[in-house]
Amino acid sequence: MIRASRGYKDINLQAIRHLKEGGILATFSCSNYMDETLFEKIVLAAARDAGKEAQLIARLGPSPDHPVNLAHPEGHYLKGLLLRLIA
């Protein structure tokens, strides 16, 4: 999990560094081992490390044609964030 977290942070850090103020970042994880809260914290840390601030526009997940079986919570693996850089 530590290597995956580092990988998510690195890729988001590079993306954020390349965006100008007002730029939009759509970032996703399709790992069932990465919960939504941890993913959001990792992306926030990447923004901070890049010296930027971001607004959360939306939390994203699977579309209606990809329902999650309640008896199989691991099926809720797709998560995403839509962010706008504000500084």
PDB file of N, CA and C in Angstrom:
ATOM      1  N   MET A   1       0.825  -1.203   0.000  1.00  0.00           N
ATOM      2  CA  MET A   1       0.000   0.000   0.000  1.00  0.00           C
ATOM      3  C   MET A   1       0.863   1.259   0.000  1.00  0.00           C
ATOM      4  N   ILE A   2       1.996   1.198   0.675  1.00  0.00           N
ATOM      5  CA  ILE A   2       2.871   2.370   0.753  1.00  0.00           C
ATOM      6  C   ILE A   2       3.401   2.741  -0.628  1.00  0.00           C
ATOM      7  N   ARG A   3       3.794   1.735  -1.417  1.00  0.00           N
ATOM      8  CA  ARG A   3       4.297   2.026  -2.766  1.00  0.00           C
ATOM      9  C   ARG A   3       3.185   2.597  -3.646  1.00  0.00           C
ATOM     10  N   ALA A   4       1.977   2.063  -3.498  1.00  0.00           N
ATOM     11  CA  ALA A   4       0.848   2.580  -4.286  1.00  0.00           C
ATOM     12  C   ALA A   4       0.562   4.026  -3.898  1.00  0.00           C
ATOM     13  N   SER A   5       0.555   4.309  -2.603  1.00  0.00           N
ATOM     14  CA  SER A   5       0.311   5.681  -2.144  1.00  0.00           C
ATOM     15  C   SER A   5       1.363   6.631  -2.690  1.00  0.00           C
ATOM     16  N   ARG A   6       2.602   6.197  -2.666  1.00  0.00           N
ATOM     17  CA  ARG A   6       3.699   7.024  -3.190  1.00  0.00           C
ATOM     18  C   ARG A   6       3.511   7.267  -4.688  1.00  0.00           C
ATOM     19  N   GLY A   7       3.094   6.226  -5.399  1.00  0.00           N
ATOM     20  CA  GLY A   7       2.862   6.354  -6.835  1.00  0.00           C
ATOM     21  C   GLY A   7       1.745   7.338  -7.146  1.00  0.00           C
ATOM     22  N   TYR A   8       0.637   7.245  -6.405  1.00  0.00           N
ATOM     23  CA  TYR A   8      -0.470   8.190  -6.610  1.00  0.00           C
ATOM     24  C   TYR A   8      -0.029   9.615  -6.303  1.00  0.00           C
ATOM     25  N   LYS A   9       0.778   9.767  -5.243  1.00  0.00           N
ATOM     26  CA  LYS A   9       1.232  11.114  -4.900  1.00  0.00           C
ATOM     27  C   LYS A   9       2.150  11.658  -5.988  1.00  0.00           C
ATOM     28  N   ASP A  10       3.081  10.844  -6.453  1.00  0.00           N
ATOM     29  CA  ASP A  10       4.029  11.304  -7.474  1.00  0.00           C
ATOM     30  C   ASP A  10       3.327  11.713  -8.769  1.00  0.00           C
ATOM     31  N   ILE A  11       2.402  10.892  -9.238  1.00  0.00           N
ATOM     32  CA  ILE A  11       1.753  11.213 -10.511  1.00  0.00           C
ATOM     33  C   ILE A  11       0.883  12.461 -10.391  1.00  0.00           C
ATOM     34  N   ASN A  12       0.222  12.624  -9.236  1.00  0.00           N
ATOM     35  CA  ASN A  12      -0.592  13.826  -9.042  1.00  0.00           C
ATOM     36  C   ASN A  12       0.275  15.057  -8.837  1.00  0.00           C
ATOM     37  N   LEU A  13       1.397  14.910  -8.169  1.00  0.00           N
ATOM     38  CA  LEU A  13       2.339  16.013  -7.985  1.00  0.00           C
ATOM     39  C   LEU A  13       2.821  16.524  -9.347  1.00  0.00           C
ATOM     40  N   GLN A  14       3.193  15.611 -10.224  1.00  0.00           N
ATOM     41  CA  GLN A  14       3.658  16.016 -11.550  1.00  0.00           C
ATOM     42  C   GLN A  14       2.546  16.708 -12.336  1.00  0.00           C
ATOM     43  N   ALA A  15       1.342  16.178 -12.271  1.00  0.00           N
ATOM     44  CA  ALA A  15       0.216  16.792 -12.991  1.00  0.00           C
ATOM     45  C   ALA A  15      -0.075  18.194 -12.458  1.00  0.00           C
ATOM     46  N   ILE A  16      -0.098  18.338 -11.145  1.00  0.00           N
ATOM     47  CA  ILE A  16      -0.403  19.632 -10.528  1.00  0.00           C
ATOM     48  C   ILE A  16       0.673  20.659 -10.859  1.00  0.00           C
ATOM     49  N   ARG A  17       1.914  20.244 -10.874  1.00  0.00           N
ATOM     50  CA  ARG A  17       3.010  21.158 -11.216  1.00  0.00           C
ATOM     51  C   ARG A  17       2.863  21.716 -12.630  1.00  0.00           C
ATOM     52  N   HIS A  18       2.246  20.972 -13.522  1.00  0.00           N
ATOM     53  CA  HIS A  18       2.103  21.404 -14.910  1.00  0.00           C
ATOM     54  C   HIS A  18       0.854  22.234 -15.166  1.00  0.00           C
ATOM     55  N   LEU A  19      -0.032  22.320 -14.183  1.00  0.00           N
ATOM     56  CA  LEU A  19      -1.262  23.093 -14.368  1.00  0.00           C
ATOM     57  C   LEU A  19      -1.076  24.532 -13.926  1.00  0.00           C
ATOM     58  N   LYS A  20      -1.674  25.438 -14.682  1.00  0.00           N
ATOM     59  CA  LYS A  20      -1.677  26.849 -14.312  1.00  0.00           C
ATOM     60  C   LYS A  20      -2.859  27.115 -13.383  1.00  0.00           C
ATOM     61  N   GLU A  21      -2.835  28.262 -12.724  1.00  0.00           N
ATOM     62  CA  GLU A  21      -3.960  28.655 -11.874  1.00  0.00           C
ATOM     63  C   GLU A  21      -5.237  28.618 -12.695  1.00  0.00           C
ATOM     64  N   GLY A  22      -6.279  28.023 -12.130  1.00  0.00           N
ATOM     65  CA  GLY A  22      -7.544  27.856 -12.829  1.00  0.00           C
ATOM     66  C   GLY A  22      -7.628  26.563 -13.609  1.00  0.00           C
ATOM     67  N   GLY A  23      -6.500  25.851 -13.700  1.00  0.00           N
ATOM     68  CA  GLY A  23      -6.484  24.581 -14.422  1.00  0.00           C
ATOM     69  C   GLY A  23      -7.319  23.527 -13.716  1.00  0.00           C
ATOM     70  N   ILE A  24      -7.802  22.571 -14.487  1.00  0.00           N
ATOM     71  CA  ILE A  24      -8.658  21.505 -13.962  1.00  0.00           C
ATOM     72  C   ILE A  24      -7.884  20.194 -13.982  1.00  0.00           C
ATOM     73  N   LEU A  25      -7.960  19.472 -12.871  1.00  0.00           N
ATOM     74  CA  LEU A  25      -7.343  18.151 -12.765  1.00  0.00           C
ATOM     75  C   LEU A  25      -8.429  17.124 -12.493  1.00  0.00           C
ATOM     76  N   ALA A  26      -8.491  16.104 -13.325  1.00  0.00           N
ATOM     77  CA  ALA A  26      -9.341  14.936 -13.080  1.00  0.00           C
ATOM     78  C   ALA A  26      -8.395  13.795 -12.752  1.00  0.00           C
ATOM     79  N   THR A  27      -8.499  13.261 -11.546  1.00  0.00           N
ATOM     80  CA  THR A  27      -7.605  12.197 -11.105  1.00  0.00           C
ATOM     81  C   THR A  27      -8.428  11.049 -10.545  1.00  0.00           C
ATOM     82  N   PHE A  28      -7.974   9.827 -10.814  1.00  0.00           N
ATOM     83  CA  PHE A  28      -8.754   8.643 -10.453  1.00  0.00           C
ATOM     84  C   PHE A  28      -7.874   7.559  -9.862  1.00  0.00           C
ATOM     85  N   SER A  29      -8.512   6.698  -9.084  1.00  0.00           N
ATOM     86  CA  SER A  29      -7.905   5.467  -8.605  1.00  0.00           C
ATOM     87  C   SER A  29      -8.903   4.346  -8.855  1.00  0.00           C
ATOM     88  N   CYS A  30      -8.400   3.235  -9.347  1.00  0.00           N
ATOM     89  CA  CYS A  30      -9.278   2.080  -9.543  1.00  0.00           C
ATOM     90  C   CYS A  30      -8.806   0.914  -8.681  1.00  0.00           C
ATOM     91  N   SER A  31      -8.195   1.228  -7.546  1.00  0.00           N
ATOM     92  CA  SER A  31      -7.726   0.210  -6.613  1.00  0.00           C
ATOM     93  C   SER A  31      -8.702   0.071  -5.460  1.00  0.00           C
ATOM     94  N   ASN A  32      -9.144  -1.154  -5.192  1.00  0.00           N
ATOM     95  CA  ASN A  32     -10.042  -1.337  -4.053  1.00  0.00           C
ATOM     96  C   ASN A  32      -9.288  -1.241  -2.730  1.00  0.00           C
ATOM     97  N   TYR A  33      -7.965  -1.231  -2.767  1.00  0.00           N
ATOM     98  CA  TYR A  33      -7.172  -1.082  -1.546  1.00  0.00           C
ATOM     99  C   TYR A  33      -7.019   0.380  -1.127  1.00  0.00           C
ATOM    100  N   MET A  34      -7.317   1.288  -2.028  1.00  0.00           N
ATOM    101  CA  MET A  34      -7.189   2.723  -1.774  1.00  0.00           C
ATOM    102  C   MET A  34      -8.579   3.282  -1.491  1.00  0.00           C
ATOM    103  N   ASP A  35      -8.860   3.601  -0.227  1.00  0.00           N
ATOM    104  CA  ASP A  35     -10.185   4.152   0.055  1.00  0.00           C
ATOM    105  C   ASP A  35     -10.246   5.630  -0.320  1.00  0.00           C
ATOM    106  N   GLU A  36     -11.458   6.139  -0.411  1.00  0.00           N
ATOM    107  CA  GLU A  36     -11.663   7.504  -0.900  1.00  0.00           C
ATOM    108  C   GLU A  36     -10.993   8.551  -0.020  1.00  0.00           C
ATOM    109  N   THR A  37     -11.049   8.363   1.284  1.00  0.00           N
ATOM    110  CA  THR A  37     -10.459   9.334   2.205  1.00  0.00           C
ATOM    111  C   THR A  37      -8.944   9.403   2.028  1.00  0.00           C
ATOM    112  N   LEU A  38      -8.306   8.243   1.938  1.00  0.00           N
ATOM    113  CA  LEU A  38      -6.854   8.219   1.757  1.00  0.00           C
ATOM    114  C   LEU A  38      -6.474   8.822   0.410  1.00  0.00           C
ATOM    115  N   PHE A  39      -7.219   8.496  -0.640  1.00  0.00           N
ATOM    116  CA  PHE A  39      -6.929   9.045  -1.963  1.00  0.00           C
ATOM    117  C   PHE A  39      -6.996  10.569  -1.940  1.00  0.00           C
ATOM    118  N   GLU A  40      -8.023  11.108  -1.282  1.00  0.00           N
ATOM    119  CA  GLU A  40      -8.159  12.567  -1.198  1.00  0.00           C
ATOM    120  C   GLU A  40      -6.994  13.176  -0.428  1.00  0.00           C
ATOM    121  N   LYS A  41      -6.571  12.552   0.649  1.00  0.00           N
ATOM    122  CA  LYS A  41      -5.437  13.053   1.437  1.00  0.00           C
ATOM    123  C   LYS A  41      -4.150  13.039   0.620  1.00  0.00           C
ATOM    124  N   ILE A  42      -3.955  12.000  -0.176  1.00  0.00           N
ATOM    125  CA  ILE A  42      -2.764  11.896  -1.013  1.00  0.00           C
ATOM    126  C   ILE A  42      -2.733  13.019  -2.044  1.00  0.00           C
ATOM    127  N   VAL A  43      -3.877  13.273  -2.693  1.00  0.00           N
ATOM    128  CA  VAL A  43      -3.930  14.329  -3.712  1.00  0.00           C
ATOM    129  C   VAL A  43      -3.742  15.702  -3.060  1.00  0.00           C
ATOM    130  N   LEU A  44      -4.319  15.918  -1.885  1.00  0.00           N
ATOM    131  CA  LEU A  44      -4.115  17.173  -1.153  1.00  0.00           C
ATOM    132  C   LEU A  44      -2.639  17.363  -0.814  1.00  0.00           C
ATOM    133  N   ALA A  45      -1.982  16.305  -0.376  1.00  0.00           N
ATOM    134  CA  ALA A  45      -0.558  16.390  -0.055  1.00  0.00           C
ATOM    135  C   ALA A  45       0.262  16.716  -1.305  1.00  0.00           C
ATOM    136  N   ALA A  46      -0.120  16.166  -2.436  1.00  0.00           N
ATOM    137  CA  ALA A  46       0.581  16.463  -3.688  1.00  0.00           C
ATOM    138  C   ALA A  46       0.429  17.943  -4.039  1.00  0.00           C
ATOM    139  N   ALA A  47      -0.776  18.484  -3.869  1.00  0.00           N
ATOM    140  CA  ALA A  47      -0.999  19.906  -4.150  1.00  0.00           C
ATOM    141  C   ALA A  47      -0.149  20.774  -3.221  1.00  0.00           C
ATOM    142  N   ARG A  48      -0.111  20.424  -1.970  1.00  0.00           N
ATOM    143  CA  ARG A  48       0.698  21.190  -1.012  1.00  0.00           C
ATOM    144  C   ARG A  48       2.177  21.116  -1.357  1.00  0.00           C
ATOM    145  N   ASP A  49       2.646  19.930  -1.716  1.00  0.00           N
ATOM    146  CA  ASP A  49       4.053  19.777  -2.085  1.00  0.00           C
ATOM    147  C   ASP A  49       4.395  20.581  -3.341  1.00  0.00           C
ATOM    148  N   ALA A  50       3.402  20.785  -4.195  1.00  0.00           N
ATOM    149  CA  ALA A  50       3.605  21.590  -5.405  1.00  0.00           C
ATOM    150  C   ALA A  50       3.468  23.073  -5.116  1.00  0.00           C
ATOM    151  N   GLY A  51       3.121  23.425  -3.872  1.00  0.00           N
ATOM    152  CA  GLY A  51       2.960  24.827  -3.496  1.00  0.00           C
ATOM    153  C   GLY A  51       1.691  25.438  -4.041  1.00  0.00           C
ATOM    154  N   LYS A  52       0.666  24.613  -4.250  1.00  0.00           N
ATOM    155  CA  LYS A  52      -0.588  25.097  -4.823  1.00  0.00           C
ATOM    156  C   LYS A  52      -1.761  24.711  -3.947  1.00  0.00           C
ATOM    157  N   GLU A  53      -2.866  25.414  -4.160  1.00  0.00           N
ATOM    158  CA  GLU A  53      -4.114  25.088  -3.484  1.00  0.00           C
ATOM    159  C   GLU A  53      -5.121  24.653  -4.528  1.00  0.00           C
ATOM    160  N   ALA A  54      -6.058  23.817  -4.098  1.00  0.00           N
ATOM    161  CA  ALA A  54      -7.046  23.298  -5.043  1.00  0.00           C
ATOM    162  C   ALA A  54      -8.434  23.338  -4.426  1.00  0.00           C
ATOM    163  N   GLN A  55      -9.418  23.562  -5.281  1.00  0.00           N
ATOM    164  CA  GLN A  55     -10.830  23.476  -4.889  1.00  0.00           C
ATOM    165  C   GLN A  55     -11.366  22.143  -5.374  1.00  0.00           C
ATOM    166  N   LEU A  56     -12.162  21.501  -4.543  1.00  0.00           N
ATOM    167  CA  LEU A  56     -12.822  20.265  -4.940  1.00  0.00           C
ATOM    168  C   LEU A  56     -14.099  20.628  -5.688  1.00  0.00           C
ATOM    169  N   ILE A  57     -14.150  20.301  -6.958  1.00  0.00           N
ATOM    170  CA  ILE A  57     -15.345  20.546  -7.764  1.00  0.00           C
ATOM    171  C   ILE A  57     -16.324  19.394  -7.597  1.00  0.00           C
ATOM    172  N   ALA A  58     -15.798  18.158  -7.624  1.00  0.00           N
ATOM    173  CA  ALA A  58     -16.679  16.981  -7.494  1.00  0.00           C
ATOM    174  C   ALA A  58     -15.882  15.763  -7.073  1.00  0.00           C
ATOM    175  N   ARG A  59     -16.555  14.894  -6.339  1.00  0.00           N
ATOM    176  CA  ARG A  59     -16.061  13.543  -6.078  1.00  0.00           C
ATOM    177  C   ARG A  59     -16.761  12.650  -7.097  1.00  0.00           C
ATOM    178  N   LEU A  60     -16.001  11.808  -7.742  1.00  0.00           N
ATOM    179  CA  LEU A  60     -16.553  10.998  -8.814  1.00  0.00           C
ATOM    180  C   LEU A  60     -16.457   9.515  -8.462  1.00  0.00           C
ATOM    181  N   GLY A  61     -17.348   8.750  -9.033  1.00  0.00           N
ATOM    182  CA  GLY A  61     -17.359   7.308  -8.802  1.00  0.00           C
ATOM    183  C   GLY A  61     -17.885   6.598 -10.029  1.00  0.00           C
ATOM    184  N   PRO A  62     -18.249   5.356  -9.850  1.00  0.00           N
ATOM    185  CA  PRO A  62     -18.732   4.591 -10.991  1.00  0.00           C
ATOM    186  C   PRO A  62     -20.046   5.158 -11.531  1.00  0.00           C
ATOM    187  N   SER A  63     -20.236   5.008 -12.827  1.00  0.00           N
ATOM    188  CA  SER A  63     -21.463   5.487 -13.459  1.00  0.00           C
ATOM    189  C   SER A  63     -22.609   4.501 -13.184  1.00  0.00           C
ATOM    190  N   PRO A  64     -23.839   4.920 -13.445  1.00  0.00           N
ATOM    191  CA  PRO A  64     -24.989   4.048 -13.183  1.00  0.00           C
ATOM    192  C   PRO A  64     -24.929   2.697 -13.905  1.00  0.00           C
ATOM    193  N   ASP A  65     -24.188   2.622 -15.003  1.00  0.00           N
ATOM    194  CA  ASP A  65     -24.094   1.344 -15.706  1.00  0.00           C
ATOM    195  C   ASP A  65     -23.019   0.424 -15.114  1.00  0.00           C
ATOM    196  N   HIS A  66     -22.456   0.825 -13.977  1.00  0.00           N
ATOM    197  CA  HIS A  66     -21.444   0.031 -13.280  1.00  0.00           C
ATOM    198  C   HIS A  66     -21.840  -0.062 -11.796  1.00  0.00           C
ATOM    199  N   PRO A  67     -22.997  -0.673 -11.520  1.00  0.00           N
ATOM    200  CA  PRO A  67     -23.479  -0.706 -10.133  1.00  0.00           C
ATOM    201  C   PRO A  67     -22.590  -1.566  -9.235  1.00  0.00           C
ATOM    202  N   VAL A  68     -22.625  -1.249  -7.952  1.00  0.00           N
ATOM    203  CA  VAL A  68     -21.843  -1.965  -6.949  1.00  0.00           C
ATOM    204  C   VAL A  68     -22.779  -2.862  -6.153  1.00  0.00           C
ATOM    205  N   ASN A  69     -22.451  -4.132  -6.074  1.00  0.00           N
ATOM    206  CA  ASN A  69     -23.223  -5.088  -5.292  1.00  0.00           C
ATOM    207  C   ASN A  69     -22.973  -4.805  -3.810  1.00  0.00           C
ATOM    208  N   LEU A  70     -24.014  -4.587  -3.051  1.00  0.00           N
ATOM    209  CA  LEU A  70     -23.860  -4.267  -1.626  1.00  0.00           C
ATOM    210  C   LEU A  70     -23.188  -5.393  -0.846  1.00  0.00           C
ATOM    211  N   ALA A  71     -23.312  -6.609  -1.306  1.00  0.00           N
ATOM    212  CA  ALA A  71     -22.667  -7.742  -0.646  1.00  0.00           C
ATOM    213  C   ALA A  71     -21.196  -7.864  -1.022  1.00  0.00           C
ATOM    214  N   HIS A  72     -20.735  -7.018  -1.931  1.00  0.00           N
ATOM    215  CA  HIS A  72     -19.342  -7.059  -2.400  1.00  0.00           C
ATOM    216  C   HIS A  72     -18.779  -5.630  -2.423  1.00  0.00           C
ATOM    217  N   PRO A  73     -18.511  -5.046  -1.243  1.00  0.00           N
ATOM    218  CA  PRO A  73     -18.054  -3.659  -1.180  1.00  0.00           C
ATOM    219  C   PRO A  73     -16.733  -3.429  -1.915  1.00  0.00           C
ATOM    220  N   GLU A  74     -15.950  -4.479  -2.129  1.00  0.00           N
ATOM    221  CA  GLU A  74     -14.700  -4.329  -2.877  1.00  0.00           C
ATOM    222  C   GLU A  74     -14.967  -3.897  -4.317  1.00  0.00           C
ATOM    223  N   GLY A  75     -16.206  -4.082  -4.768  1.00  0.00           N
ATOM    224  CA  GLY A  75     -16.576  -3.672  -6.107  1.00  0.00           C
ATOM    225  C   GLY A  75     -16.663  -2.163  -6.266  1.00  0.00           C
ATOM    226  N   HIS A  76     -16.644  -1.451  -5.138  1.00  0.00           N
ATOM    227  CA  HIS A  76     -16.665   0.018  -5.176  1.00  0.00           C
ATOM    228  C   HIS A  76     -15.216   0.511  -5.162  1.00  0.00           C
ATOM    229  N   TYR A  77     -14.527   0.240  -6.241  1.00  0.00           N
ATOM    230  CA  TYR A  77     -13.106   0.562  -6.306  1.00  0.00           C
ATOM    231  C   TYR A  77     -12.806   1.828  -7.101  1.00  0.00           C
ATOM    232  N   LEU A  78     -13.707   2.243  -7.983  1.00  0.00           N
ATOM    233  CA  LEU A  78     -13.430   3.408  -8.815  1.00  0.00           C
ATOM    234  C   LEU A  78     -13.795   4.683  -8.062  1.00  0.00           C
ATOM    235  N   LYS A  79     -12.815   5.543  -7.925  1.00  0.00           N
ATOM    236  CA  LYS A  79     -13.046   6.818  -7.252  1.00  0.00           C
ATOM    237  C   LYS A  79     -12.258   7.892  -7.985  1.00  0.00           C
ATOM    238  N   GLY A  80     -12.781   9.090  -7.949  1.00  0.00           N
ATOM    239  CA  GLY A  80     -12.088  10.167  -8.642  1.00  0.00           C
ATOM    240  C   GLY A  80     -12.363  11.507  -8.005  1.00  0.00           C
ATOM    241  N   LEU A  81     -11.504  12.452  -8.329  1.00  0.00           N
ATOM    242  CA  LEU A  81     -11.641  13.833  -7.865  1.00  0.00           C
ATOM    243  C   LEU A  81     -11.516  14.766  -9.057  1.00  0.00           C
ATOM    244  N   LEU A  82     -12.357  15.759  -9.078  1.00  0.00           N
ATOM    245  CA  LEU A  82     -12.269  16.820 -10.080  1.00  0.00           C
ATOM    246  C   LEU A  82     -11.912  18.079  -9.321  1.00  0.00           C
ATOM    247  N   LEU A  83     -10.733  18.631  -9.610  1.00  0.00           N
ATOM    248  CA  LEU A  83     -10.191  19.765  -8.857  1.00  0.00           C
ATOM    249  C   LEU A  83      -9.897  20.947  -9.765  1.00  0.00           C
ATOM    250  N   ARG A  84      -9.948  22.141  -9.179  1.00  0.00           N
ATOM    251  CA  ARG A  84      -9.522  23.378  -9.855  1.00  0.00           C
ATOM    252  C   ARG A  84      -8.410  23.982  -9.029  1.00  0.00           C
ATOM    253  N   LEU A  85      -7.292  24.288  -9.679  1.00  0.00           N
ATOM    254  CA  LEU A  85      -6.197  24.942  -8.963  1.00  0.00           C
ATOM    255  C   LEU A  85      -6.516  26.417  -8.782  1.00  0.00           C
ATOM    256  N   ILE A  86      -6.376  26.898  -7.547  1.00  0.00           N
ATOM    257  CA  ILE A  86      -6.743  28.295  -7.264  1.00  0.00           C
ATOM    258  C   ILE A  86      -5.521  29.130  -6.888  1.00  0.00           C
ATOM    259  N   ALA A  87      -4.390  28.543  -6.708  1.00  0.00           N
ATOM    260  CA  ALA A  87      -3.184  29.331  -6.392  1.00  0.00           C
ATOM    261  C   ALA A  87      -1.950  28.535  -6.732  1.00  0.00           C
TER     262      ALA A  87
END
